[in-house]
Amino acid sequence: MSFKRDVAFARTVARAAFIAPDPVRAARQFVHDYHAVVRQLTTRGLEPTIARTLAGIASLGAEPLKTARTLVEKFRDVWKTS
């Protein structure tokens, strides 16, 4: 319900849940991981919109926080060169 206005995010959650053996559990885990990543990235000073985008990508992986950190590093590298 908290994402009912974010259609893209709802699709991402549905896609993650659809391929899992237990779709409800997978959806809950995805949302939990997403919130944890967003919280960590924004606490470290990343702008919320960027944090949410990176969290959506990272939460699809096996290690969302590690993936998010890697994505932030790559994002910052690209930002520095532009």
PDB file of N, CA and C in Angstrom:
ATOM      1  N   MET A   1       0.810  -1.207   0.000  1.00  0.00           N
ATOM      2  CA  MET A   1       0.000   0.000   0.000  1.00  0.00           C
ATOM      3  C   MET A   1       0.848   1.263   0.000  1.00  0.00           C
ATOM      4  N   SER A   2       1.986   1.226   0.648  1.00  0.00           N
ATOM      5  CA  SER A   2       2.798   2.449   0.745  1.00  0.00           C
ATOM      6  C   SER A   2       3.401   2.861  -0.595  1.00  0.00           C
ATOM      7  N   PHE A   3       3.341   1.998  -1.598  1.00  0.00           N
ATOM      8  CA  PHE A   3       3.908   2.316  -2.904  1.00  0.00           C
ATOM      9  C   PHE A   3       2.853   2.391  -3.996  1.00  0.00           C
ATOM     10  N   LYS A   4       1.602   2.560  -3.619  1.00  0.00           N
ATOM     11  CA  LYS A   4       0.530   2.494  -4.608  1.00  0.00           C
ATOM     12  C   LYS A   4       0.641   3.570  -5.681  1.00  0.00           C
ATOM     13  N   ARG A   5       1.312   4.668  -5.410  1.00  0.00           N
ATOM     14  CA  ARG A   5       1.472   5.716  -6.420  1.00  0.00           C
ATOM     15  C   ARG A   5       2.754   5.569  -7.222  1.00  0.00           C
ATOM     16  N   ASP A   6       3.571   4.630  -6.866  1.00  0.00           N
ATOM     17  CA  ASP A   6       4.822   4.397  -7.568  1.00  0.00           C
ATOM     18  C   ASP A   6       4.686   3.110  -8.383  1.00  0.00           C
ATOM     19  N   VAL A   7       4.165   3.253  -9.574  1.00  0.00           N
ATOM     20  CA  VAL A   7       3.878   2.103 -10.423  1.00  0.00           C
ATOM     21  C   VAL A   7       5.149   1.346 -10.794  1.00  0.00           C
ATOM     22  N   ALA A   8       6.206   2.063 -11.083  1.00  0.00           N
ATOM     23  CA  ALA A   8       7.460   1.406 -11.453  1.00  0.00           C
ATOM     24  C   ALA A   8       7.984   0.533 -10.309  1.00  0.00           C
ATOM     25  N   PHE A   9       7.892   1.048  -9.089  1.00  0.00           N
ATOM     26  CA  PHE A   9       8.350   0.261  -7.948  1.00  0.00           C
ATOM     27  C   PHE A   9       7.456  -0.964  -7.752  1.00  0.00           C
ATOM     28  N   ALA A  10       6.161  -0.792  -7.885  1.00  0.00           N
ATOM     29  CA  ALA A  10       5.237  -1.926  -7.745  1.00  0.00           C
ATOM     30  C   ALA A  10       5.554  -3.002  -8.781  1.00  0.00           C
ATOM     31  N   ARG A  11       5.888  -2.602  -9.980  1.00  0.00           N
ATOM     32  CA  ARG A  11       6.270  -3.571 -11.017  1.00  0.00           C
ATOM     33  C   ARG A  11       7.555  -4.298 -10.637  1.00  0.00           C
ATOM     34  N   THR A  12       8.514  -3.576 -10.076  1.00  0.00           N
ATOM     35  CA  THR A  12       9.774  -4.194  -9.671  1.00  0.00           C
ATOM     36  C   THR A  12       9.535  -5.219  -8.570  1.00  0.00           C
ATOM     37  N   VAL A  13       8.709  -4.875  -7.600  1.00  0.00           N
ATOM     38  CA  VAL A  13       8.375  -5.821  -6.525  1.00  0.00           C
ATOM     39  C   VAL A  13       7.669  -7.040  -7.113  1.00  0.00           C
ATOM     40  N   ALA A  14       6.725  -6.811  -8.009  1.00  0.00           N
ATOM     41  CA  ALA A  14       5.993  -7.923  -8.625  1.00  0.00           C
ATOM     42  C   ALA A  14       6.930  -8.828  -9.415  1.00  0.00           C
ATOM     43  N   ARG A  15       7.866  -8.230 -10.147  1.00  0.00           N
ATOM     44  CA  ARG A  15       8.824  -9.007 -10.934  1.00  0.00           C
ATOM     45  C   ARG A  15       9.698  -9.867 -10.010  1.00  0.00           C
ATOM     46  N   ALA A  16      10.153  -9.288  -8.912  1.00  0.00           N
ATOM     47  CA  ALA A  16      10.978 -10.035  -7.957  1.00  0.00           C
ATOM     48  C   ALA A  16      10.179 -11.166  -7.318  1.00  0.00           C
ATOM     49  N   ALA A  17       8.927 -10.896  -6.998  1.00  0.00           N
ATOM     50  CA  ALA A  17       8.078 -11.900  -6.347  1.00  0.00           C
ATOM     51  C   ALA A  17       7.681 -13.013  -7.310  1.00  0.00           C
ATOM     52  N   PHE A  18       7.440 -12.666  -8.553  1.00  0.00           N
ATOM     53  CA  PHE A  18       6.953 -13.618  -9.537  1.00  0.00           C
ATOM     54  C   PHE A  18       7.901 -14.788  -9.746  1.00  0.00           C
ATOM     55  N   ILE A  19       9.209 -14.535  -9.697  1.00  0.00           N
ATOM     56  CA  ILE A  19      10.177 -15.597  -9.966  1.00  0.00           C
ATOM     57  C   ILE A  19      10.538 -16.408  -8.723  1.00  0.00           C
ATOM     58  N   ALA A  20      10.020 -16.016  -7.569  1.00  0.00           N
ATOM     59  CA  ALA A  20      10.379 -16.687  -6.316  1.00  0.00           C
ATOM     60  C   ALA A  20       9.418 -17.839  -6.015  1.00  0.00           C
ATOM     61  N   PRO A  21       9.905 -18.847  -5.304  1.00  0.00           N
ATOM     62  CA  PRO A  21       9.031 -19.959  -4.918  1.00  0.00           C
ATOM     63  C   PRO A  21       7.922 -19.512  -3.958  1.00  0.00           C
ATOM     64  N   ASP A  22       8.206 -18.535  -3.119  1.00  0.00           N
ATOM     65  CA  ASP A  22       7.210 -17.991  -2.184  1.00  0.00           C
ATOM     66  C   ASP A  22       7.069 -16.493  -2.485  1.00  0.00           C
ATOM     67  N   PRO A  23       6.152 -16.144  -3.393  1.00  0.00           N
ATOM     68  CA  PRO A  23       6.042 -14.751  -3.846  1.00  0.00           C
ATOM     69  C   PRO A  23       5.761 -13.738  -2.741  1.00  0.00           C
ATOM     70  N   VAL A  24       4.928 -14.072  -1.797  1.00  0.00           N
ATOM     71  CA  VAL A  24       4.603 -13.120  -0.718  1.00  0.00           C
ATOM     72  C   VAL A  24       5.830 -12.862   0.135  1.00  0.00           C
ATOM     73  N   ARG A  25       6.523 -13.898   0.482  1.00  0.00           N
ATOM     74  CA  ARG A  25       7.752 -13.742   1.280  1.00  0.00           C
ATOM     75  C   ARG A  25       8.797 -12.936   0.505  1.00  0.00           C
ATOM     76  N   ALA A  26       8.938 -13.228  -0.778  1.00  0.00           N
ATOM     77  CA  ALA A  26       9.916 -12.510  -1.601  1.00  0.00           C
ATOM     78  C   ALA A  26       9.566 -11.029  -1.698  1.00  0.00           C
ATOM     79  N   ALA A  27       8.303 -10.710  -1.856  1.00  0.00           N
ATOM     80  CA  ALA A  27       7.874  -9.306  -1.935  1.00  0.00           C
ATOM     81  C   ALA A  27       8.162  -8.591  -0.624  1.00  0.00           C
ATOM     82  N   ARG A  28       7.858  -9.234   0.482  1.00  0.00           N
ATOM     83  CA  ARG A  28       8.129  -8.622   1.791  1.00  0.00           C
ATOM     84  C   ARG A  28       9.627  -8.399   1.991  1.00  0.00           C
ATOM     85  N   GLN A  29      10.421  -9.387   1.612  1.00  0.00           N
ATOM     86  CA  GLN A  29      11.876  -9.272   1.763  1.00  0.00           C
ATOM     87  C   GLN A  29      12.415  -8.158   0.881  1.00  0.00           C
ATOM     88  N   PHE A  30      11.902  -8.066  -0.336  1.00  0.00           N
ATOM     89  CA  PHE A  30      12.345  -7.015  -1.249  1.00  0.00           C
ATOM     90  C   PHE A  30      12.062  -5.637  -0.655  1.00  0.00           C
ATOM     91  N   VAL A  31      10.855  -5.441  -0.161  1.00  0.00           N
ATOM     92  CA  VAL A  31      10.480  -4.147   0.422  1.00  0.00           C
ATOM     93  C   VAL A  31      11.327  -3.855   1.658  1.00  0.00           C
ATOM     94  N   HIS A  32      11.563  -4.869   2.485  1.00  0.00           N
ATOM     95  CA  HIS A  32      12.405  -4.705   3.672  1.00  0.00           C
ATOM     96  C   HIS A  32      13.814  -4.282   3.266  1.00  0.00           C
ATOM     97  N   ASP A  33      14.397  -5.003   2.299  1.00  0.00           N
ATOM     98  CA  ASP A  33      15.746  -4.673   1.829  1.00  0.00           C
ATOM     99  C   ASP A  33      15.793  -3.274   1.237  1.00  0.00           C
ATOM    100  N   TYR A  34      14.788  -2.935   0.466  1.00  0.00           N
ATOM    101  CA  TYR A  34      14.702  -1.619  -0.169  1.00  0.00           C
ATOM    102  C   TYR A  34      14.739  -0.514   0.888  1.00  0.00           C
ATOM    103  N   HIS A  35      13.898  -0.638   1.910  1.00  0.00           N
ATOM    104  CA  HIS A  35      13.865   0.370   2.977  1.00  0.00           C
ATOM    105  C   HIS A  35      15.204   0.459   3.710  1.00  0.00           C
ATOM    106  N   ALA A  36      15.828  -0.695   3.962  1.00  0.00           N
ATOM    107  CA  ALA A  36      17.117  -0.701   4.663  1.00  0.00           C
ATOM    108  C   ALA A  36      18.187   0.003   3.835  1.00  0.00           C
ATOM    109  N   VAL A  37      18.201  -0.250   2.543  1.00  0.00           N
ATOM    110  CA  VAL A  37      19.194   0.378   1.679  1.00  0.00           C
ATOM    111  C   VAL A  37      18.946   1.877   1.584  1.00  0.00           C
ATOM    112  N   VAL A  38      17.695   2.279   1.381  1.00  0.00           N
ATOM    113  CA  VAL A  38      17.381   3.713   1.301  1.00  0.00           C
ATOM    114  C   VAL A  38      17.790   4.415   2.591  1.00  0.00           C
ATOM    115  N   ARG A  39      17.469   3.810   3.715  1.00  0.00           N
ATOM    116  CA  ARG A  39      17.813   4.399   5.016  1.00  0.00           C
ATOM    117  C   ARG A  39      19.325   4.570   5.149  1.00  0.00           C
ATOM    118  N   GLN A  40      20.072   3.548   4.787  1.00  0.00           N
ATOM    119  CA  GLN A  40      21.524   3.629   4.919  1.00  0.00           C
ATOM    120  C   GLN A  40      22.111   4.678   3.965  1.00  0.00           C
ATOM    121  N   LEU A  41      21.652   4.699   2.740  1.00  0.00           N
ATOM    122  CA  LEU A  41      22.211   5.637   1.769  1.00  0.00           C
ATOM    123  C   LEU A  41      21.871   7.083   2.104  1.00  0.00           C
ATOM    124  N   THR A  42      20.650   7.339   2.543  1.00  0.00           N
ATOM    125  CA  THR A  42      20.292   8.714   2.887  1.00  0.00           C
ATOM    126  C   THR A  42      20.973   9.156   4.174  1.00  0.00           C
ATOM    127  N   THR A  43      21.191   8.229   5.104  1.00  0.00           N
ATOM    128  CA  THR A  43      21.912   8.552   6.335  1.00  0.00           C
ATOM    129  C   THR A  43      23.346   8.968   6.020  1.00  0.00           C
ATOM    130  N   ARG A  44      23.890   8.405   4.953  1.00  0.00           N
ATOM    131  CA  ARG A  44      25.264   8.738   4.545  1.00  0.00           C
ATOM    132  C   ARG A  44      25.323   9.937   3.617  1.00  0.00           C
ATOM    133  N   GLY A  45      24.186  10.622   3.462  1.00  0.00           N
ATOM    134  CA  GLY A  45      24.190  11.877   2.728  1.00  0.00           C
ATOM    135  C   GLY A  45      23.781  11.822   1.271  1.00  0.00           C
ATOM    136  N   LEU A  46      23.392  10.670   0.787  1.00  0.00           N
ATOM    137  CA  LEU A  46      22.965  10.582  -0.603  1.00  0.00           C
ATOM    138  C   LEU A  46      21.564  11.169  -0.756  1.00  0.00           C
ATOM    139  N   GLU A  47      21.353  11.881  -1.829  1.00  0.00           N
ATOM    140  CA  GLU A  47      20.059  12.512  -2.090  1.00  0.00           C
ATOM    141  C   GLU A  47      18.979  11.431  -2.182  1.00  0.00           C
ATOM    142  N   PRO A  48      17.803  11.637  -1.570  1.00  0.00           N
ATOM    143  CA  PRO A  48      16.774  10.598  -1.497  1.00  0.00           C
ATOM    144  C   PRO A  48      16.345   9.994  -2.834  1.00  0.00           C
ATOM    145  N   THR A  49      16.215  10.794  -3.868  1.00  0.00           N
ATOM    146  CA  THR A  49      15.793  10.252  -5.160  1.00  0.00           C
ATOM    147  C   THR A  49      16.831   9.281  -5.708  1.00  0.00           C
ATOM    148  N   ILE A  50      18.094   9.636  -5.578  1.00  0.00           N
ATOM    149  CA  ILE A  50      19.167   8.752  -6.033  1.00  0.00           C
ATOM    150  C   ILE A  50      19.216   7.505  -5.157  1.00  0.00           C
ATOM    151  N   ALA A  51      19.051   7.674  -3.859  1.00  0.00           N
ATOM    152  CA  ALA A  51      19.055   6.535  -2.935  1.00  0.00           C
ATOM    153  C   ALA A  51      17.945   5.551  -3.280  1.00  0.00           C
ATOM    154  N   ARG A  52      16.763   6.060  -3.588  1.00  0.00           N
ATOM    155  CA  ARG A  52      15.639   5.173  -3.931  1.00  0.00           C
ATOM    156  C   ARG A  52      15.906   4.432  -5.243  1.00  0.00           C
ATOM    157  N   THR A  53      16.474   5.118  -6.211  1.00  0.00           N
ATOM    158  CA  THR A  53      16.786   4.473  -7.489  1.00  0.00           C
ATOM    159  C   THR A  53      17.796   3.351  -7.298  1.00  0.00           C
ATOM    160  N   LEU A  54      18.878   3.648  -6.594  1.00  0.00           N
ATOM    161  CA  LEU A  54      19.912   2.639  -6.362  1.00  0.00           C
ATOM    162  C   LEU A  54      19.388   1.497  -5.494  1.00  0.00           C
ATOM    163  N   ALA A  55      18.533   1.801  -4.530  1.00  0.00           N
ATOM    164  CA  ALA A  55      17.962   0.763  -3.664  1.00  0.00           C
ATOM    165  C   ALA A  55      17.082  -0.191  -4.459  1.00  0.00           C
ATOM    166  N   GLY A  56      16.328   0.347  -5.404  1.00  0.00           N
ATOM    167  CA  GLY A  56      15.482  -0.503  -6.244  1.00  0.00           C
ATOM    168  C   GLY A  56      16.292  -1.498  -7.045  1.00  0.00           C
ATOM    169  N   ILE A  57      17.432  -1.062  -7.544  1.00  0.00           N
ATOM    170  CA  ILE A  57      18.311  -1.947  -8.307  1.00  0.00           C
ATOM    171  C   ILE A  57      18.995  -2.942  -7.368  1.00  0.00           C
ATOM    172  N   ALA A  58      19.556  -2.438  -6.283  1.00  0.00           N
ATOM    173  CA  ALA A  58      20.330  -3.278  -5.363  1.00  0.00           C
ATOM    174  C   ALA A  58      19.477  -4.339  -4.673  1.00  0.00           C
ATOM    175  N   SER A  59      18.231  -4.038  -4.422  1.00  0.00           N
ATOM    176  CA  SER A  59      17.368  -4.966  -3.692  1.00  0.00           C
ATOM    177  C   SER A  59      17.015  -6.203  -4.497  1.00  0.00           C
ATOM    178  N   LEU A  60      17.300  -6.199  -5.781  1.00  0.00           N
ATOM    179  CA  LEU A  60      17.062  -7.377  -6.609  1.00  0.00           C
ATOM    180  C   LEU A  60      18.160  -8.416  -6.446  1.00  0.00           C
ATOM    181  N   GLY A  61      19.305  -8.007  -5.907  1.00  0.00           N
ATOM    182  CA  GLY A  61      20.441  -8.912  -5.766  1.00  0.00           C
ATOM    183  C   GLY A  61      20.433  -9.679  -4.461  1.00  0.00           C
ATOM    184  N   ALA A  62      21.393 -10.579  -4.353  1.00  0.00           N
ATOM    185  CA  ALA A  62      21.498 -11.426  -3.159  1.00  0.00           C
ATOM    186  C   ALA A  62      21.991 -10.651  -1.941  1.00  0.00           C
ATOM    187  N   GLU A  63      22.825  -9.640  -2.166  1.00  0.00           N
ATOM    188  CA  GLU A  63      23.372  -8.842  -1.073  1.00  0.00           C
ATOM    189  C   GLU A  63      23.068  -7.366  -1.326  1.00  0.00           C
ATOM    190  N   PRO A  64      21.852  -6.928  -1.003  1.00  0.00           N
ATOM    191  CA  PRO A  64      21.431  -5.571  -1.352  1.00  0.00           C
ATOM    192  C   PRO A  64      22.326  -4.456  -0.823  1.00  0.00           C
ATOM    193  N   LEU A  65      22.771  -4.529   0.424  1.00  0.00           N
ATOM    194  CA  LEU A  65      23.593  -3.449   0.969  1.00  0.00           C
ATOM    195  C   LEU A  65      24.965  -3.386   0.290  1.00  0.00           C
ATOM    196  N   LYS A  66      25.561  -4.526   0.071  1.00  0.00           N
ATOM    197  CA  LYS A  66      26.855  -4.569  -0.614  1.00  0.00           C
ATOM    198  C   LYS A  66      26.700  -4.058  -2.050  1.00  0.00           C
ATOM    199  N   THR A  67      25.661  -4.495  -2.724  1.00  0.00           N
ATOM    200  CA  THR A  67      25.403  -4.044  -4.087  1.00  0.00           C
ATOM    201  C   THR A  67      25.171  -2.543  -4.120  1.00  0.00           C
ATOM    202  N   ALA A  68      24.424  -2.030  -3.154  1.00  0.00           N
ATOM    203  CA  ALA A  68      24.150  -0.592  -3.095  1.00  0.00           C
ATOM    204  C   ALA A  68      25.434   0.199  -2.913  1.00  0.00           C
ATOM    205  N   ARG A  69      26.308  -0.276  -2.052  1.00  0.00           N
ATOM    206  CA  ARG A  69      27.580   0.420  -1.845  1.00  0.00           C
ATOM    207  C   ARG A  69      28.407   0.459  -3.135  1.00  0.00           C
ATOM    208  N   THR A  70      28.420  -0.650  -3.854  1.00  0.00           N
ATOM    209  CA  THR A  70      29.141  -0.710  -5.124  1.00  0.00           C
ATOM    210  C   THR A  70      28.534   0.261  -6.133  1.00  0.00           C
ATOM    211  N   LEU A  71      27.203   0.297  -6.193  1.00  0.00           N
ATOM    212  CA  LEU A  71      26.527   1.213  -7.109  1.00  0.00           C
ATOM    213  C   LEU A  71      26.827   2.671  -6.757  1.00  0.00           C
ATOM    214  N   VAL A  72      26.867   2.981  -5.473  1.00  0.00           N
ATOM    215  CA  VAL A  72      27.182   4.355  -5.047  1.00  0.00           C
ATOM    216  C   VAL A  72      28.593   4.718  -5.484  1.00  0.00           C
ATOM    217  N   GLU A  73      29.544   3.807  -5.299  1.00  0.00           N
ATOM    218  CA  GLU A  73      30.915   4.068  -5.729  1.00  0.00           C
ATOM    219  C   GLU A  73      30.976   4.344  -7.230  1.00  0.00           C
ATOM    220  N   LYS A  74      30.294   3.522  -8.011  1.00  0.00           N
ATOM    221  CA  LYS A  74      30.282   3.703  -9.461  1.00  0.00           C
ATOM    222  C   LYS A  74      29.594   5.011  -9.836  1.00  0.00           C
ATOM    223  N   PHE A  75      28.488   5.326  -9.145  1.00  0.00           N
ATOM    224  CA  PHE A  75      27.776   6.577  -9.392  1.00  0.00           C
ATOM    225  C   PHE A  75      28.686   7.769  -9.118  1.00  0.00           C
ATOM    226  N   ARG A  76      29.398   7.731  -8.006  1.00  0.00           N
ATOM    227  CA  ARG A  76      30.300   8.826  -7.650  1.00  0.00           C
ATOM    228  C   ARG A  76      31.467   8.936  -8.634  1.00  0.00           C
ATOM    229  N   ASP A  77      31.973   7.803  -9.111  1.00  0.00           N
ATOM    230  CA  ASP A  77      33.045   7.825 -10.108  1.00  0.00           C
ATOM    231  C   ASP A  77      32.582   8.506 -11.383  1.00  0.00           C
ATOM    232  N   VAL A  78      31.380   8.159 -11.831  1.00  0.00           N
ATOM    233  CA  VAL A  78      30.822   8.762 -13.043  1.00  0.00           C
ATOM    234  C   VAL A  78      30.569  10.249 -12.812  1.00  0.00           C
ATOM    235  N   TRP A  79      30.056  10.584 -11.658  1.00  0.00           N
ATOM    236  CA  TRP A  79      29.757  11.989 -11.324  1.00  0.00           C
ATOM    237  C   TRP A  79      31.028  12.837 -11.355  1.00  0.00           C
ATOM    238  N   LYS A  80      32.128  12.278 -10.844  1.00  0.00           N
ATOM    239  CA  LYS A  80      33.399  13.002 -10.805  1.00  0.00           C
ATOM    240  C   LYS A  80      33.941  13.282 -12.202  1.00  0.00           C
ATOM    241  N   THR A  81      33.722  12.356 -13.123  1.00  0.00           N
ATOM    242  CA  THR A  81      34.273  12.504 -14.461  1.00  0.00           C
ATOM    243  C   THR A  81      33.411  13.351 -15.386  1.00  0.00           C
ATOM    244  N   SER A  82      32.215  13.671 -14.953  1.00  0.00           N
ATOM    245  CA  SER A  82      31.347  14.462 -15.843  1.00  0.00           C
ATOM    246  C   SER A  82      31.409  15.935 -15.543  1.00  0.00           C
TER     247      SER A  82
END
